[in-house]
Amino acid sequence: MYPLLALSVLTISVVFERLWFWLRMLNQERQIVERVLEAARENWGLARDIAQRATDQPIGRFLYAPLSLTKNDPETFRLALEATAEDELTGMRRGEKLLEAVIALAPLLGLFGTVWGLIQSLRAIKIGDLGTEATAGVTTGIGESLISTAAGLVVAITSLVFYRLFQSFIFNQVQVFRKAGNELELLYRQSPPSDINVDTNVVNTETPTLLAPETNSNRNSGGNSPRKRGKNRFGDPYEAPTEPNPSDSDNI
């Protein structure tokens, strides 16, 4: 009975911790998904901020992972969603191994207690006492030995009920994560963040067309020029002005 008591204490602690976790998450999950998706239709920066404020919840971390990337492309976006979903679902299964162990061990420990009690009770029976009042205590001991089997079954059944309940919650979370991730990825493919498109255009189109101003060394060396330059009757703006020659004014 002492091992069964220890298993029952562990089971109760895991059950209460998991119930608190699921109740707190399920109350806020739908609201977080709706707010992030609604903001993503208009402003990706606002959607990223909303998801970042909800990173204390698994769904918030799931939606924030692809939005926080510096390199944004459809393939990277999808990989971030899949990797984060796998990590979060793994964290939701915390405590399952303990419940599985209790489900398997509790009935066996109860049965072992019963067998041990029967051994002790039957050992006290003497052949000469059969059919007399001396065997009344033996029958009482046999009945008490069955208590351990009943206790083990109660612990195992309770653990199995909550184990299946938590499994159903995880199955529902797989559906929620899949639906929210698909909708977010669809919005990203239809209207990717505008700031990323602007940066890409600047790098690919504007930067190669910028021309550095022509210097004296480039002009004197006869470097590659887009067109043949003629003599400028108004003077070269890159040359310093020269003082007039007195002989020229005398000639005029």
C-alpha atoms as a PDB file:
ATOM      1  CA  MET A   1       0.000   0.000   0.000  1.00  0.00           C
ATOM      2  CA  TYR A   2       2.875   2.448   0.581  1.00  0.00           C
ATOM      3  CA  PRO A   3       4.075   2.329  -3.037  1.00  0.00           C
ATOM      4  CA  LEU A   4       0.465   2.777  -4.139  1.00  0.00           C
ATOM      5  CA  LEU A   5       0.204   5.822  -1.875  1.00  0.00           C
ATOM      6  CA  ALA A   6       3.322   7.327  -3.437  1.00  0.00           C
ATOM      7  CA  LEU A   7       2.002   6.702  -6.964  1.00  0.00           C
ATOM      8  CA  SER A   8      -1.350   8.244  -6.064  1.00  0.00           C
ATOM      9  CA  VAL A   9       0.368  11.411  -4.775  1.00  0.00           C
ATOM     10  CA  LEU A  10       2.407  11.712  -7.988  1.00  0.00           C
ATOM     11  CA  THR A  11      -0.698  11.159 -10.079  1.00  0.00           C
ATOM     12  CA  ILE A  12      -2.682  13.827  -8.260  1.00  0.00           C
ATOM     13  CA  SER A  13       0.127  16.380  -8.605  1.00  0.00           C
ATOM     14  CA  VAL A  14       0.510  15.732 -12.347  1.00  0.00           C
ATOM     15  CA  VAL A  15      -3.252  15.824 -12.919  1.00  0.00           C
ATOM     16  CA  PHE A  16      -3.720  19.161 -11.143  1.00  0.00           C
ATOM     17  CA  GLU A  17      -0.725  20.705 -12.906  1.00  0.00           C
ATOM     18  CA  ARG A  18      -1.925  19.583 -16.338  1.00  0.00           C
ATOM     19  CA  LEU A  19      -5.511  20.677 -15.659  1.00  0.00           C
ATOM     20  CA  TRP A  20      -4.313  24.157 -14.725  1.00  0.00           C
ATOM     21  CA  PHE A  21      -2.149  24.289 -17.838  1.00  0.00           C
ATOM     22  CA  TRP A  22      -4.957  23.248 -20.198  1.00  0.00           C
ATOM     23  CA  LEU A  23      -7.623  25.456 -18.644  1.00  0.00           C
ATOM     24  CA  ARG A  24      -5.391  28.533 -18.800  1.00  0.00           C
ATOM     25  CA  MET A  25      -4.365  27.837 -22.386  1.00  0.00           C
ATOM     26  CA  LEU A  26      -7.775  26.972 -23.785  1.00  0.00           C
ATOM     27  CA  ASN A  27      -9.323  30.149 -22.374  1.00  0.00           C
ATOM     28  CA  GLN A  28      -6.902  32.411 -24.287  1.00  0.00           C
ATOM     29  CA  GLU A  29      -5.981  30.386 -27.342  1.00  0.00           C
ATOM     30  CA  ARG A  30      -8.887  31.271 -29.635  1.00  0.00           C
ATOM     31  CA  GLN A  31      -8.618  34.975 -28.854  1.00  0.00           C
ATOM     32  CA  ILE A  32      -4.882  35.045 -29.624  1.00  0.00           C
ATOM     33  CA  VAL A  33      -5.328  33.289 -32.973  1.00  0.00           C
ATOM     34  CA  GLU A  34      -8.147  35.603 -34.057  1.00  0.00           C
ATOM     35  CA  ARG A  35      -6.240  38.754 -33.110  1.00  0.00           C
ATOM     36  CA  VAL A  36      -3.034  37.715 -34.883  1.00  0.00           C
ATOM     37  CA  LEU A  37      -4.797  36.624 -38.076  1.00  0.00           C
ATOM     38  CA  GLU A  38      -6.941  39.768 -38.157  1.00  0.00           C
ATOM     39  CA  ALA A  39      -3.884  41.985 -37.723  1.00  0.00           C
ATOM     40  CA  ALA A  40      -1.940  40.043 -40.381  1.00  0.00           C
ATOM     41  CA  ARG A  41      -4.566  40.951 -43.009  1.00  0.00           C
ATOM     42  CA  GLU A  42      -3.679  44.616 -42.625  1.00  0.00           C
ATOM     43  CA  ASN A  43      -0.334  45.051 -40.897  1.00  0.00           C
ATOM     44  CA  TRP A  44       2.299  42.358 -40.429  1.00  0.00           C
ATOM     45  CA  GLY A  45       4.193  44.453 -37.899  1.00  0.00           C
ATOM     46  CA  LEU A  46       1.128  44.671 -35.672  1.00  0.00           C
ATOM     47  CA  ALA A  47       0.565  40.917 -35.992  1.00  0.00           C
ATOM     48  CA  ARG A  48       4.163  40.295 -34.944  1.00  0.00           C
ATOM     49  CA  ASP A  49       3.751  42.526 -31.879  1.00  0.00           C
ATOM     50  CA  ILE A  50       0.525  40.779 -30.830  1.00  0.00           C
ATOM     51  CA  ALA A  51       2.137  37.349 -31.178  1.00  0.00           C
ATOM     52  CA  GLN A  52       5.190  38.509 -29.242  1.00  0.00           C
ATOM     53  CA  ARG A  53       3.046  39.666 -26.316  1.00  0.00           C
ATOM     54  CA  ALA A  54       1.434  36.204 -26.243  1.00  0.00           C
ATOM     55  CA  THR A  55       4.663  34.187 -26.145  1.00  0.00           C
ATOM     56  CA  ASP A  56       3.774  32.941 -22.667  1.00  0.00           C
ATOM     57  CA  GLN A  57       1.258  30.668 -24.420  1.00  0.00           C
ATOM     58  CA  PRO A  58       2.158  27.825 -26.841  1.00  0.00           C
ATOM     59  CA  ILE A  59      -0.029  29.235 -29.614  1.00  0.00           C
ATOM     60  CA  GLY A  60       1.634  32.629 -29.230  1.00  0.00           C
ATOM     61  CA  ARG A  61       5.114  31.147 -29.590  1.00  0.00           C
ATOM     62  CA  PHE A  62       3.889  29.118 -32.562  1.00  0.00           C
ATOM     63  CA  LEU A  63       2.613  32.200 -34.418  1.00  0.00           C
ATOM     64  CA  TYR A  64       5.538  34.421 -33.421  1.00  0.00           C
ATOM     65  CA  ALA A  65       8.255  32.056 -34.684  1.00  0.00           C
ATOM     66  CA  PRO A  66       7.751  32.691 -38.446  1.00  0.00           C
ATOM     67  CA  LEU A  67       6.907  36.378 -37.949  1.00  0.00           C
ATOM     68  CA  SER A  68      10.182  37.057 -36.137  1.00  0.00           C
ATOM     69  CA  LEU A  69      12.411  35.769 -38.927  1.00  0.00           C
ATOM     70  CA  THR A  70      14.808  38.177 -40.633  1.00  0.00           C
ATOM     71  CA  LYS A  71      14.888  36.105 -43.823  1.00  0.00           C
ATOM     72  CA  ASN A  72      11.327  35.801 -45.040  1.00  0.00           C
ATOM     73  CA  ASP A  73      10.404  33.517 -47.894  1.00  0.00           C
ATOM     74  CA  PRO A  74       7.546  30.993 -48.188  1.00  0.00           C
ATOM     75  CA  GLU A  75       9.737  27.945 -47.593  1.00  0.00           C
ATOM     76  CA  THR A  76      11.438  29.375 -44.497  1.00  0.00           C
ATOM     77  CA  PHE A  77       8.080  30.587 -43.207  1.00  0.00           C
ATOM     78  CA  ARG A  78       6.615  27.089 -43.470  1.00  0.00           C
ATOM     79  CA  LEU A  79       9.635  25.393 -41.890  1.00  0.00           C
ATOM     80  CA  ALA A  80       9.450  27.753 -38.896  1.00  0.00           C
ATOM     81  CA  LEU A  81       5.789  26.866 -38.377  1.00  0.00           C
ATOM     82  CA  GLU A  82       6.430  23.116 -38.553  1.00  0.00           C
ATOM     83  CA  ALA A  83       9.463  23.162 -36.236  1.00  0.00           C
ATOM     84  CA  THR A  84       7.747  25.305 -33.613  1.00  0.00           C
ATOM     85  CA  ALA A  85       4.566  23.216 -33.708  1.00  0.00           C
ATOM     86  CA  GLU A  86       6.569  20.040 -33.069  1.00  0.00           C
ATOM     87  CA  ASP A  87       8.359  21.599 -30.093  1.00  0.00           C
ATOM     88  CA  GLU A  88       5.171  22.969 -28.546  1.00  0.00           C
ATOM     89  CA  LEU A  89       3.247  19.708 -28.959  1.00  0.00           C
ATOM     90  CA  THR A  90       6.118  17.846 -27.339  1.00  0.00           C
ATOM     91  CA  GLY A  91       5.953  20.197 -24.357  1.00  0.00           C
ATOM     92  CA  MET A  92       2.207  19.625 -24.043  1.00  0.00           C
ATOM     93  CA  ARG A  93       2.846  15.905 -23.500  1.00  0.00           C
ATOM     94  CA  ARG A  94       4.726  16.548 -20.276  1.00  0.00           C
ATOM     95  CA  GLY A  95       3.608  14.162 -17.546  1.00  0.00           C
ATOM     96  CA  GLU A  96       2.308  11.504 -19.925  1.00  0.00           C
ATOM     97  CA  LYS A  97       5.147   9.098 -19.231  1.00  0.00           C
ATOM     98  CA  LEU A  98       4.447   9.242 -15.513  1.00  0.00           C
ATOM     99  CA  LEU A  99       0.753   8.532 -16.033  1.00  0.00           C
ATOM    100  CA  GLU A 100       1.608   5.622 -18.322  1.00  0.00           C
ATOM    101  CA  ALA A 101       3.914   4.186 -15.651  1.00  0.00           C
ATOM    102  CA  VAL A 102       1.236   4.528 -12.975  1.00  0.00           C
ATOM    103  CA  ILE A 103      -1.364   2.844 -15.199  1.00  0.00           C
ATOM    104  CA  ALA A 104       0.950  -0.119 -15.673  1.00  0.00           C
ATOM    105  CA  LEU A 105       2.390  -0.392 -12.130  1.00  0.00           C
ATOM    106  CA  ALA A 106      -0.605   0.291  -9.889  1.00  0.00           C
ATOM    107  CA  PRO A 107      -2.580  -2.903 -10.706  1.00  0.00           C
ATOM    108  CA  LEU A 108       0.558  -5.015 -10.426  1.00  0.00           C
ATOM    109  CA  LEU A 109       1.455  -3.544  -7.038  1.00  0.00           C
ATOM    110  CA  GLY A 110      -2.105  -4.112  -5.846  1.00  0.00           C
ATOM    111  CA  LEU A 111      -2.025  -7.709  -7.028  1.00  0.00           C
ATOM    112  CA  PHE A 112       1.342  -8.249  -5.374  1.00  0.00           C
ATOM    113  CA  GLY A 113      -0.066  -6.939  -2.071  1.00  0.00           C
ATOM    114  CA  THR A 114      -2.991  -9.317  -2.333  1.00  0.00           C
ATOM    115  CA  VAL A 115      -0.799 -12.325  -3.057  1.00  0.00           C
ATOM    116  CA  TRP A 116       1.515 -11.438  -0.204  1.00  0.00           C
ATOM    117  CA  GLY A 117      -1.434 -11.092   2.177  1.00  0.00           C
ATOM    118  CA  LEU A 118      -2.822 -14.480   1.071  1.00  0.00           C
ATOM    119  CA  ILE A 119       0.524 -16.091   1.684  1.00  0.00           C
ATOM    120  CA  GLN A 120       0.671 -14.718   5.229  1.00  0.00           C
ATOM    121  CA  SER A 121      -2.941 -15.683   5.945  1.00  0.00           C
ATOM    122  CA  LEU A 122      -2.704 -19.230   4.597  1.00  0.00           C
ATOM    123  CA  ARG A 123       0.542 -19.783   6.427  1.00  0.00           C
ATOM    124  CA  ALA A 124      -1.260 -19.274   9.710  1.00  0.00           C
ATOM    125  CA  ILE A 125      -3.825 -22.013   8.973  1.00  0.00           C
ATOM    126  CA  LYS A 126      -3.270 -25.373  10.585  1.00  0.00           C
ATOM    127  CA  ILE A 127      -4.846 -28.531   9.305  1.00  0.00           C
ATOM    128  CA  GLY A 128      -6.354 -29.278  12.655  1.00  0.00           C
ATOM    129  CA  ASP A 129      -8.046 -25.865  12.806  1.00  0.00           C
ATOM    130  CA  LEU A 130     -10.080 -26.317   9.646  1.00  0.00           C
ATOM    131  CA  GLY A 131     -13.783 -25.975  10.297  1.00  0.00           C
ATOM    132  CA  THR A 132     -13.280 -24.370  13.700  1.00  0.00           C
ATOM    133  CA  GLU A 133     -13.523 -20.805  14.944  1.00  0.00           C
ATOM    134  CA  ALA A 134      -9.754 -20.454  14.727  1.00  0.00           C
ATOM    135  CA  THR A 135      -9.987 -20.014  10.989  1.00  0.00           C
ATOM    136  CA  ALA A 136     -12.206 -16.921  11.318  1.00  0.00           C
ATOM    137  CA  GLY A 137      -9.205 -14.636  11.611  1.00  0.00           C
ATOM    138  CA  VAL A 138      -7.701 -16.180   8.504  1.00  0.00           C
ATOM    139  CA  THR A 139     -10.713 -15.334   6.408  1.00  0.00           C
ATOM    140  CA  THR A 140     -10.583 -11.786   7.723  1.00  0.00           C
ATOM    141  CA  GLY A 141      -6.950 -11.508   6.670  1.00  0.00           C
ATOM    142  CA  ILE A 142      -7.777 -12.770   3.188  1.00  0.00           C
ATOM    143  CA  GLY A 143     -10.439 -10.085   2.850  1.00  0.00           C
ATOM    144  CA  GLU A 144      -8.003  -7.380   3.979  1.00  0.00           C
ATOM    145  CA  SER A 145      -5.385  -8.543   1.486  1.00  0.00           C
ATOM    146  CA  LEU A 146      -7.800  -7.830  -1.351  1.00  0.00           C
ATOM    147  CA  ILE A 147      -7.844  -4.128  -0.409  1.00  0.00           C
ATOM    148  CA  SER A 148      -4.485  -3.593  -2.076  1.00  0.00           C
ATOM    149  CA  THR A 149      -5.803  -4.941  -5.364  1.00  0.00           C
ATOM    150  CA  ALA A 150      -8.803  -2.617  -5.185  1.00  0.00           C
ATOM    151  CA  ALA A 151      -6.573   0.361  -4.344  1.00  0.00           C
ATOM    152  CA  GLY A 152      -4.273  -0.405  -7.264  1.00  0.00           C
ATOM    153  CA  LEU A 153      -7.210  -0.591  -9.644  1.00  0.00           C
ATOM    154  CA  VAL A 154      -8.596   2.728  -8.387  1.00  0.00           C
ATOM    155  CA  VAL A 155      -5.248   4.482  -8.915  1.00  0.00           C
ATOM    156  CA  ALA A 156      -4.812   2.941 -12.364  1.00  0.00           C
ATOM    157  CA  ILE A 157      -8.347   3.763 -13.525  1.00  0.00           C
ATOM    158  CA  THR A 158      -8.065   7.381 -12.341  1.00  0.00           C
ATOM    159  CA  SER A 159      -4.752   7.792 -14.120  1.00  0.00           C
ATOM    160  CA  LEU A 160      -6.152   6.249 -17.295  1.00  0.00           C
ATOM    161  CA  VAL A 161      -9.149   8.610 -17.346  1.00  0.00           C
ATOM    162  CA  PHE A 162      -7.017  11.750 -17.117  1.00  0.00           C
ATOM    163  CA  TYR A 163      -4.434  10.302 -19.509  1.00  0.00           C
ATOM    164  CA  ARG A 164      -7.099   9.863 -22.185  1.00  0.00           C
ATOM    165  CA  LEU A 165      -8.481  13.330 -21.444  1.00  0.00           C
ATOM    166  CA  PHE A 166      -5.093  14.945 -21.962  1.00  0.00           C
ATOM    167  CA  GLN A 167      -4.594  12.908 -25.136  1.00  0.00           C
ATOM    168  CA  SER A 168      -7.836  14.341 -26.529  1.00  0.00           C
ATOM    169  CA  PHE A 169      -6.664  17.866 -25.695  1.00  0.00           C
ATOM    170  CA  ILE A 170      -3.414  17.274 -27.576  1.00  0.00           C
ATOM    171  CA  PHE A 171      -5.292  15.901 -30.585  1.00  0.00           C
ATOM    172  CA  ASN A 172      -7.429  19.049 -30.660  1.00  0.00           C
ATOM    173  CA  GLN A 173      -4.303  21.195 -30.425  1.00  0.00           C
ATOM    174  CA  VAL A 174      -2.876  19.498 -33.500  1.00  0.00           C
ATOM    175  CA  GLN A 175      -5.978  20.590 -35.400  1.00  0.00           C
ATOM    176  CA  VAL A 176      -5.806  24.127 -34.023  1.00  0.00           C
ATOM    177  CA  PHE A 177      -2.128  24.521 -34.847  1.00  0.00           C
ATOM    178  CA  ARG A 178      -2.624  23.137 -38.343  1.00  0.00           C
ATOM    179  CA  LYS A 179      -5.554  25.430 -39.098  1.00  0.00           C
ATOM    180  CA  ALA A 180      -3.912  28.560 -37.677  1.00  0.00           C
ATOM    181  CA  GLY A 181      -0.619  27.817 -39.439  1.00  0.00           C
ATOM    182  CA  ASN A 182      -2.300  27.213 -42.793  1.00  0.00           C
ATOM    183  CA  GLU A 183      -4.299  30.442 -42.565  1.00  0.00           C
ATOM    184  CA  LEU A 184      -1.226  32.463 -41.578  1.00  0.00           C
ATOM    185  CA  GLU A 185       0.843  30.946 -44.391  1.00  0.00           C
ATOM    186  CA  LEU A 186      -1.953  31.626 -46.894  1.00  0.00           C
ATOM    187  CA  LEU A 187      -2.080  35.276 -45.834  1.00  0.00           C
ATOM    188  CA  TYR A 188       1.691  35.482 -46.177  1.00  0.00           C
ATOM    189  CA  ARG A 189       1.632  34.068 -49.700  1.00  0.00           C
ATOM    190  CA  GLN A 190      -1.212  36.350 -50.781  1.00  0.00           C
ATOM    191  CA  SER A 191       0.195  39.559 -49.321  1.00  0.00           C
ATOM    192  CA  PRO A 192       3.751  39.269 -47.990  1.00  0.00           C
ATOM    193  CA  PRO A 193       5.109  42.065 -45.791  1.00  0.00           C
ATOM    194  CA  SER A 194       5.538  45.250 -47.844  1.00  0.00           C
ATOM    195  CA  ASP A 195       8.747  46.324 -46.141  1.00  0.00           C
ATOM    196  CA  ILE A 196      10.476  43.147 -47.338  1.00  0.00           C
ATOM    197  CA  ASN A 197       9.436  43.782 -50.945  1.00  0.00           C
ATOM    198  CA  VAL A 198      10.716  47.357 -50.796  1.00  0.00           C
ATOM    199  CA  ASP A 199      14.100  46.284 -49.481  1.00  0.00           C
ATOM    200  CA  THR A 200      14.420  43.644 -52.174  1.00  0.00           C
ATOM    201  CA  ASN A 201      13.654  46.126 -54.943  1.00  0.00           C
ATOM    202  CA  VAL A 202      16.192  48.564 -53.588  1.00  0.00           C
ATOM    203  CA  VAL A 203      18.891  45.961 -53.566  1.00  0.00           C
ATOM    204  CA  ASN A 204      18.060  44.447 -56.973  1.00  0.00           C
ATOM    205  CA  THR A 205      17.085  47.479 -59.068  1.00  0.00           C
ATOM    206  CA  GLU A 206      18.211  50.788 -57.633  1.00  0.00           C
ATOM    207  CA  THR A 207      21.679  50.025 -56.309  1.00  0.00           C
ATOM    208  CA  PRO A 208      23.244  48.839 -59.617  1.00  0.00           C
ATOM    209  CA  THR A 209      22.036  51.943 -61.481  1.00  0.00           C
ATOM    210  CA  LEU A 210      23.662  54.484 -59.177  1.00  0.00           C
ATOM    211  CA  LEU A 211      26.575  56.286 -60.884  1.00  0.00           C
ATOM    212  CA  ALA A 212      29.343  57.959 -58.979  1.00  0.00           C
ATOM    213  CA  PRO A 213      30.114  61.562 -60.009  1.00  0.00           C
ATOM    214  CA  GLU A 214      32.922  61.880 -62.492  1.00  0.00           C
ATOM    215  CA  THR A 215      36.176  63.077 -61.023  1.00  0.00           C
ATOM    216  CA  ASN A 216      39.094  64.855 -62.642  1.00  0.00           C
ATOM    217  CA  SER A 217      41.114  61.652 -62.754  1.00  0.00           C
ATOM    218  CA  ASN A 218      38.334  59.783 -64.544  1.00  0.00           C
ATOM    219  CA  ARG A 219      37.793  62.607 -67.025  1.00  0.00           C
ATOM    220  CA  ASN A 220      41.505  63.042 -67.764  1.00  0.00           C
ATOM    221  CA  SER A 221      42.085  59.334 -68.168  1.00  0.00           C
ATOM    222  CA  GLY A 222      39.335  59.077 -70.729  1.00  0.00           C
ATOM    223  CA  GLY A 223      37.477  56.392 -68.858  1.00  0.00           C
ATOM    224  CA  ASN A 224      34.326  54.690 -69.956  1.00  0.00           C
ATOM    225  CA  SER A 225      31.694  57.339 -70.439  1.00  0.00           C
ATOM    226  CA  PRO A 226      28.051  56.706 -71.346  1.00  0.00           C
ATOM    227  CA  ARG A 227      28.297  59.151 -74.271  1.00  0.00           C
ATOM    228  CA  LYS A 228      30.897  61.266 -75.979  1.00  0.00           C
ATOM    229  CA  ARG A 229      31.380  64.534 -74.208  1.00  0.00           C
ATOM    230  CA  GLY A 230      31.630  67.751 -76.159  1.00  0.00           C
ATOM    231  CA  LYS A 231      33.253  70.994 -75.140  1.00  0.00           C
ATOM    232  CA  ASN A 232      31.202  72.816 -72.554  1.00  0.00           C
ATOM    233  CA  ARG A 233      30.852  76.449 -73.498  1.00  0.00           C
ATOM    234  CA  PHE A 234      29.792  77.305 -69.940  1.00  0.00           C
ATOM    235  CA  GLY A 235      32.787  75.652 -68.344  1.00  0.00           C
ATOM    236  CA  ASP A 236      33.205  72.400 -66.417  1.00  0.00           C
ATOM    237  CA  PRO A 237      31.467  72.488 -63.026  1.00  0.00           C
ATOM    238  CA  TYR A 238      34.076  70.099 -61.544  1.00  0.00           C
ATOM    239  CA  GLU A 239      37.004  72.459 -62.345  1.00  0.00           C
ATOM    240  CA  ALA A 240      37.995  75.441 -60.274  1.00  0.00           C
ATOM    241  CA  PRO A 241      37.468  78.802 -62.032  1.00  0.00           C
ATOM    242  CA  THR A 242      40.642  80.350 -63.526  1.00  0.00           C
ATOM    243  CA  GLU A 243      41.588  83.990 -63.440  1.00  0.00           C
ATOM    244  CA  PRO A 244      41.247  85.914 -66.736  1.00  0.00           C
ATOM    245  CA  ASN A 245      44.436  86.579 -68.719  1.00  0.00           C
ATOM    246  CA  PRO A 246      45.170  90.340 -69.187  1.00  0.00           C
ATOM    247  CA  SER A 247      46.513  89.718 -72.691  1.00  0.00           C
ATOM    248  CA  ASP A 248      43.161  88.345 -73.761  1.00  0.00           C
ATOM    249  CA  SER A 249      41.345  91.518 -72.722  1.00  0.00           C
ATOM    250  CA  ASP A 250      43.906  93.678 -74.616  1.00  0.00           C
ATOM    251  CA  ASN A 251      43.325  91.672 -77.751  1.00  0.00           C
ATOM    252  CA  ILE A 252      39.575  92.142 -77.421  1.00  0.00           C
END
